[in-house]
Amino acid sequence: MFHTVVRGETLSKIAQQHLGNANKYPAIFDANNPILTNPDKIYPGQVLRIPAPAAGRVDAPRAQDFCDRTANPRGTAAFLSRKVGQSRSG
């Protein structure tokens, strides 16, 4: 896959758009060596190769996400509605 750089873009923005994570910009930088010599210097009109995401790779869930779901399995909305109801009646 290829991407044509437009004004205002950064490798991080392009990585977020195509790879789903801005922190994966080094993969785009590496895929465009020797065209790119500095990840901070890309220009409108440049055509960059976008590497395919690693096959079968799934990012691990964050521990905080797991804790949030297990600590409050009914969801935040239900928790907050009970809190709001308590503050109005008291």
N, C-alpha and C. Protein backbone atom coordinates (compact mmCIF):
# COMPACT_ATOMS: atom_id res chain seq x y z
N MET A 1 0.85 -1.16 0.00
CA MET A 1 0.00 0.00 0.00
C MET A 1 0.90 1.23 0.00
N PHE A 2 0.40 2.30 -0.58
CA PHE A 2 1.16 3.54 -0.66
C PHE A 2 0.31 4.70 -0.15
N HIS A 3 0.99 5.76 0.29
CA HIS A 3 0.32 6.95 0.80
C HIS A 3 1.06 8.17 0.26
N THR A 4 0.31 9.11 -0.28
CA THR A 4 0.90 10.37 -0.74
C THR A 4 0.76 11.40 0.36
N VAL A 5 1.87 11.93 0.79
CA VAL A 5 1.90 12.90 1.88
C VAL A 5 1.21 14.19 1.47
N VAL A 6 0.37 14.71 2.37
CA VAL A 6 -0.25 16.02 2.16
C VAL A 6 0.24 16.96 3.26
N ARG A 7 0.08 18.24 3.01
CA ARG A 7 0.56 19.26 3.95
C ARG A 7 -0.02 19.03 5.35
N GLY A 8 0.85 19.15 6.34
CA GLY A 8 0.44 19.02 7.73
C GLY A 8 0.54 17.61 8.29
N GLU A 9 0.84 16.64 7.45
CA GLU A 9 0.94 15.27 7.95
C GLU A 9 2.30 15.00 8.57
N THR A 10 2.30 14.06 9.48
CA THR A 10 3.54 13.56 10.10
C THR A 10 3.52 12.04 9.94
N LEU A 11 4.66 11.41 10.15
CA LEU A 11 4.68 9.95 10.10
C LEU A 11 3.77 9.36 11.16
N SER A 12 3.67 10.02 12.31
CA SER A 12 2.78 9.53 13.37
C SER A 12 1.33 9.56 12.92
N LYS A 13 0.90 10.65 12.28
CA LYS A 13 -0.48 10.74 11.79
C LYS A 13 -0.76 9.67 10.74
N ILE A 14 0.21 9.46 9.87
CA ILE A 14 0.05 8.46 8.82
C ILE A 14 0.00 7.06 9.43
N ALA A 15 0.84 6.81 10.43
CA ALA A 15 0.82 5.51 11.11
C ALA A 15 -0.51 5.29 11.81
N GLN A 16 -1.05 6.32 12.45
CA GLN A 16 -2.36 6.20 13.11
C GLN A 16 -3.43 5.86 12.08
N GLN A 17 -3.39 6.53 10.95
CA GLN A 17 -4.40 6.33 9.91
C GLN A 17 -4.33 4.93 9.29
N HIS A 18 -3.13 4.47 8.99
CA HIS A 18 -2.99 3.22 8.25
C HIS A 18 -2.70 2.00 9.13
N LEU A 19 -2.01 2.22 10.24
CA LEU A 19 -1.61 1.09 11.09
C LEU A 19 -2.37 1.05 12.41
N GLY A 20 -3.16 2.11 12.68
CA GLY A 20 -3.98 2.12 13.88
C GLY A 20 -3.27 2.53 15.14
N ASN A 21 -2.01 2.96 15.03
CA ASN A 21 -1.24 3.34 16.22
C ASN A 21 -0.15 4.32 15.78
N ALA A 22 -0.19 5.52 16.31
CA ALA A 22 0.79 6.55 15.95
C ALA A 22 2.21 6.15 16.31
N ASN A 23 2.36 5.34 17.34
CA ASN A 23 3.69 4.93 17.77
C ASN A 23 4.35 3.92 16.83
N LYS A 24 3.65 3.50 15.79
CA LYS A 24 4.22 2.58 14.82
C LYS A 24 4.88 3.31 13.64
N TYR A 25 5.09 4.62 13.79
CA TYR A 25 5.71 5.39 12.71
C TYR A 25 7.08 4.86 12.31
N PRO A 26 7.88 4.25 13.22
CA PRO A 26 9.19 3.73 12.77
C PRO A 26 9.06 2.66 11.69
N ALA A 27 7.95 1.91 11.67
CA ALA A 27 7.77 0.90 10.64
C ALA A 27 7.65 1.56 9.26
N ILE A 28 6.98 2.70 9.20
CA ILE A 28 6.87 3.42 7.93
C ILE A 28 8.22 4.02 7.56
N PHE A 29 8.89 4.58 8.54
CA PHE A 29 10.22 5.16 8.29
C PHE A 29 11.16 4.09 7.74
N ASP A 30 11.19 2.92 8.38
CA ASP A 30 12.09 1.84 7.95
C ASP A 30 11.72 1.33 6.56
N ALA A 31 10.42 1.29 6.24
CA ALA A 31 9.97 0.79 4.94
C ALA A 31 10.33 1.75 3.81
N ASN A 32 10.69 2.98 4.15
CA ASN A 32 11.00 3.98 3.13
C ASN A 32 12.46 4.41 3.13
N ASN A 33 13.31 3.56 3.66
CA ASN A 33 14.74 3.80 3.65
C ASN A 33 15.24 3.41 2.26
N PRO A 34 16.02 4.15 1.55
CA PRO A 34 16.76 5.35 1.88
C PRO A 34 16.05 6.64 1.48
N ILE A 35 14.80 6.57 1.03
CA ILE A 35 14.10 7.79 0.63
C ILE A 35 14.01 8.78 1.79
N LEU A 36 13.67 8.26 2.97
CA LEU A 36 13.61 9.11 4.17
C LEU A 36 14.89 8.96 4.97
N THR A 37 15.45 10.08 5.37
CA THR A 37 16.66 10.05 6.19
C THR A 37 16.41 10.59 7.60
N ASN A 38 15.22 11.21 7.79
CA ASN A 38 14.86 11.78 9.08
C ASN A 38 13.34 11.65 9.22
N PRO A 39 12.84 11.01 10.28
CA PRO A 39 11.39 10.83 10.41
C PRO A 39 10.62 12.14 10.55
N ASP A 40 11.29 13.22 10.87
CA ASP A 40 10.63 14.52 11.02
C ASP A 40 10.59 15.31 9.72
N LYS A 41 11.19 14.78 8.67
CA LYS A 41 11.26 15.52 7.40
C LYS A 41 10.59 14.74 6.29
N ILE A 42 9.26 14.96 6.19
CA ILE A 42 8.51 14.45 5.06
C ILE A 42 7.85 15.65 4.39
N TYR A 43 7.58 15.51 3.10
CA TYR A 43 7.11 16.66 2.34
C TYR A 43 5.88 16.30 1.52
N PRO A 44 4.99 17.27 1.32
CA PRO A 44 3.81 17.04 0.48
C PRO A 44 4.23 16.52 -0.89
N GLY A 45 3.51 15.53 -1.35
CA GLY A 45 3.80 14.94 -2.65
C GLY A 45 4.64 13.69 -2.58
N GLN A 46 5.35 13.47 -1.48
CA GLN A 46 6.13 12.24 -1.35
C GLN A 46 5.18 11.06 -1.30
N VAL A 47 5.55 10.00 -1.97
CA VAL A 47 4.76 8.76 -1.94
C VAL A 47 5.51 7.78 -1.05
N LEU A 48 4.86 7.39 0.03
CA LEU A 48 5.48 6.50 1.01
C LEU A 48 4.88 5.11 0.95
N ARG A 49 5.71 4.13 1.13
CA ARG A 49 5.25 2.74 1.22
C ARG A 49 4.75 2.53 2.64
N ILE A 50 3.56 1.94 2.77
CA ILE A 50 3.01 1.62 4.08
C ILE A 50 3.11 0.12 4.26
N PRO A 51 3.86 -0.34 5.26
CA PRO A 51 4.01 -1.78 5.45
C PRO A 51 2.70 -2.40 5.96
N ALA A 52 2.48 -3.64 5.60
CA ALA A 52 1.30 -4.35 6.09
C ALA A 52 1.50 -4.66 7.57
N PRO A 53 0.44 -4.60 8.36
CA PRO A 53 0.56 -4.99 9.76
C PRO A 53 1.03 -6.44 9.85
N ALA A 54 1.73 -6.78 10.91
CA ALA A 54 2.22 -8.15 11.09
C ALA A 54 1.03 -9.11 11.11
N ALA A 55 1.11 -10.17 10.32
CA ALA A 55 0.01 -11.13 10.21
C ALA A 55 -0.24 -11.83 11.54
N GLY A 56 -1.49 -11.84 11.94
CA GLY A 56 -1.88 -12.55 13.15
C GLY A 56 -1.50 -11.88 14.44
N ARG A 57 -0.89 -10.74 14.36
CA ARG A 57 -0.46 -10.07 15.59
C ARG A 57 -1.60 -9.21 16.13
N VAL A 58 -1.87 -9.41 17.39
CA VAL A 58 -2.91 -8.63 18.07
C VAL A 58 -2.26 -7.98 19.28
N ASP A 59 -2.43 -6.67 19.40
CA ASP A 59 -1.87 -6.00 20.57
C ASP A 59 -2.58 -6.50 21.82
N ALA A 60 -1.81 -6.73 22.86
CA ALA A 60 -2.37 -7.21 24.12
C ALA A 60 -3.22 -6.12 24.75
N PRO A 61 -4.32 -6.51 25.41
CA PRO A 61 -5.12 -5.49 26.09
C PRO A 61 -4.34 -4.89 27.24
N ARG A 62 -4.63 -3.64 27.53
CA ARG A 62 -3.97 -2.99 28.66
C ARG A 62 -4.56 -3.52 29.95
N ALA A 63 -3.74 -3.65 30.97
CA ALA A 63 -4.21 -4.13 32.27
C ALA A 63 -5.31 -3.23 32.81
N GLN A 64 -5.20 -1.93 32.57
CA GLN A 64 -6.21 -0.99 33.06
C GLN A 64 -7.57 -1.28 32.44
N ASP A 65 -7.61 -1.64 31.15
CA ASP A 65 -8.88 -1.98 30.51
C ASP A 65 -9.51 -3.18 31.18
N PHE A 66 -8.71 -4.18 31.48
CA PHE A 66 -9.22 -5.38 32.13
C PHE A 66 -9.76 -5.05 33.52
N CYS A 67 -9.00 -4.26 34.27
CA CYS A 67 -9.42 -3.90 35.63
C CYS A 67 -10.72 -3.09 35.61
N ASP A 68 -10.84 -2.18 34.67
CA ASP A 68 -12.06 -1.38 34.59
C ASP A 68 -13.28 -2.26 34.34
N ARG A 69 -13.15 -3.24 33.47
CA ARG A 69 -14.29 -4.10 33.15
C ARG A 69 -14.64 -5.03 34.30
N THR A 70 -13.61 -5.55 34.99
CA THR A 70 -13.91 -6.49 36.06
C THR A 70 -14.37 -5.79 37.32
N ALA A 71 -13.86 -4.60 37.58
CA ALA A 71 -14.26 -3.87 38.78
C ALA A 71 -15.69 -3.35 38.65
N ASN A 72 -16.13 -3.06 37.44
CA ASN A 72 -17.45 -2.51 37.22
C ASN A 72 -18.06 -3.20 36.00
N PRO A 73 -18.44 -4.49 36.13
CA PRO A 73 -18.89 -5.24 34.97
C PRO A 73 -20.17 -4.72 34.33
N ARG A 74 -20.99 -3.95 35.06
CA ARG A 74 -22.23 -3.43 34.50
C ARG A 74 -22.00 -2.16 33.70
N GLY A 75 -20.81 -1.63 33.76
CA GLY A 75 -20.47 -0.46 32.96
C GLY A 75 -20.50 0.82 33.75
N THR A 76 -19.82 1.79 33.24
CA THR A 76 -19.68 3.09 33.88
C THR A 76 -21.00 3.84 33.94
N ALA A 77 -21.82 3.72 32.90
CA ALA A 77 -23.08 4.46 32.88
C ALA A 77 -23.98 4.06 34.04
N ALA A 78 -24.08 2.76 34.31
CA ALA A 78 -24.92 2.30 35.42
C ALA A 78 -24.35 2.80 36.75
N PHE A 79 -23.04 2.75 36.88
CA PHE A 79 -22.39 3.21 38.10
C PHE A 79 -22.66 4.70 38.33
N LEU A 80 -22.49 5.49 37.28
CA LEU A 80 -22.69 6.93 37.41
C LEU A 80 -24.15 7.28 37.67
N SER A 81 -25.07 6.56 37.05
CA SER A 81 -26.49 6.87 37.29
C SER A 81 -26.85 6.61 38.73
N ARG A 82 -26.27 5.59 39.35
CA ARG A 82 -26.53 5.34 40.79
C ARG A 82 -25.94 6.46 41.62
N LYS A 83 -24.75 6.92 41.27
CA LYS A 83 -24.11 8.01 42.03
C LYS A 83 -24.91 9.30 41.92
N VAL A 84 -25.38 9.63 40.73
CA VAL A 84 -26.15 10.85 40.52
C VAL A 84 -27.46 10.75 41.30
N GLY A 85 -28.09 9.60 41.28
CA GLY A 85 -29.34 9.39 42.02
C GLY A 85 -29.14 9.56 43.52
N GLN A 86 -28.02 9.08 44.05
CA GLN A 86 -27.73 9.20 45.47
C GLN A 86 -27.51 10.66 45.85
N SER A 87 -26.81 11.42 45.00
CA SER A 87 -26.52 12.81 45.36
C SER A 87 -27.78 13.67 45.31
N ARG A 88 -28.73 13.33 44.46
CA ARG A 88 -29.97 14.12 44.37
C ARG A 88 -30.91 13.81 45.51
N SER A 89 -30.90 12.57 46.01
CA SER A 89 -31.84 12.21 47.07
C SER A 89 -31.32 12.57 48.43
N GLY A 90 -30.04 12.88 48.54
CA GLY A 90 -29.43 13.10 49.85
C GLY A 90 -29.29 14.50 50.15
